[in-house]
């Protein structure tokens, strides 16, 4: 049986975690940064876990991670 291709867009956005879940970057850090306070921008840099409701969908997009 042939290998399944990973979704390349999802591969760039999600990273696997040791517990079996995935982590993702947070939004709102690309433009219009002048009105956002430094603390808010700093906290948006951190990675967030993907919610349990979405983990199954991400796993289908990334079968080998």
Protein backbone atom coordinates (compact mmCIF):
# COMPACT_ATOMS: atom_id res chain seq x y z
CA UNK A 1 0.00 0.00 0.00
CA UNK A 2 1.40 3.44 -0.87
CA UNK A 3 2.43 5.97 1.73
CA UNK A 4 0.01 8.74 2.67
CA UNK A 5 1.14 12.27 1.90
CA UNK A 6 1.20 14.78 4.72
CA UNK A 7 -0.67 18.03 4.19
CA UNK A 8 2.19 20.48 3.67
CA UNK A 9 0.25 23.49 4.92
CA UNK A 10 -0.54 21.70 8.18
CA UNK A 11 3.05 20.47 8.51
CA UNK A 12 4.23 24.08 8.59
CA UNK A 13 1.65 25.11 11.21
CA UNK A 14 1.58 22.26 13.73
CA UNK A 15 4.34 20.52 15.69
CA UNK A 16 3.81 17.22 17.53
CA UNK A 17 4.07 17.06 21.33
CA UNK A 18 5.37 14.17 23.39
CA UNK A 19 1.94 13.40 24.87
CA UNK A 20 0.42 12.73 21.45
CA UNK A 21 -1.10 16.15 20.86
CA UNK A 22 0.03 19.05 18.72
CA UNK A 23 1.05 22.64 19.35
CA UNK A 24 0.38 25.70 17.26
CA UNK A 25 1.35 29.35 17.07
CA UNK A 26 -1.06 32.04 18.22
CA UNK A 27 -2.73 34.52 15.91
CA UNK A 28 -2.73 38.36 15.87
CA UNK A 29 1.04 38.80 15.63
CA UNK A 30 1.48 39.60 11.94
CA UNK A 31 0.43 43.19 11.36
CA UNK A 32 -1.01 46.29 13.09
CA UNK A 33 1.49 45.76 15.90
CA UNK A 34 1.91 49.41 16.87
CA UNK A 35 -1.35 49.56 18.83
CA UNK A 36 -0.65 46.32 20.72
CA UNK A 37 1.23 46.57 23.99
CA UNK A 38 4.64 44.92 24.40
CA UNK A 39 3.34 42.48 27.00
CA UNK A 40 0.57 41.28 24.69
CA UNK A 41 2.97 40.76 21.78
CA UNK A 42 5.42 38.89 24.01
CA UNK A 43 2.71 36.56 25.29
CA UNK A 44 1.48 35.85 21.75
CA UNK A 45 4.91 34.43 20.84
CA UNK A 46 4.40 31.29 22.92
CA UNK A 47 3.04 28.06 21.45
CA UNK A 48 -0.42 26.85 22.46
CA UNK A 49 -1.68 23.27 22.50
CA UNK A 50 -4.24 22.39 19.83
CA UNK A 51 -7.63 21.82 21.46
CA UNK A 52 -8.74 18.24 21.96
CA UNK A 53 -11.67 18.84 19.60
CA UNK A 54 -9.26 19.64 16.74
CA UNK A 55 -6.51 17.10 17.47
CA UNK A 56 -8.18 14.33 15.47
CA UNK A 57 -8.42 16.54 12.36
CA UNK A 58 -4.76 17.55 12.65
CA UNK A 59 -3.71 13.92 13.07
CA UNK A 60 -5.45 13.05 9.78
CA UNK A 61 -3.56 15.83 8.01
CA UNK A 62 -0.22 14.68 9.49
CA UNK A 63 -0.34 10.86 9.53
CA UNK A 64 3.34 10.23 10.35
CA UNK A 65 3.90 12.69 13.19
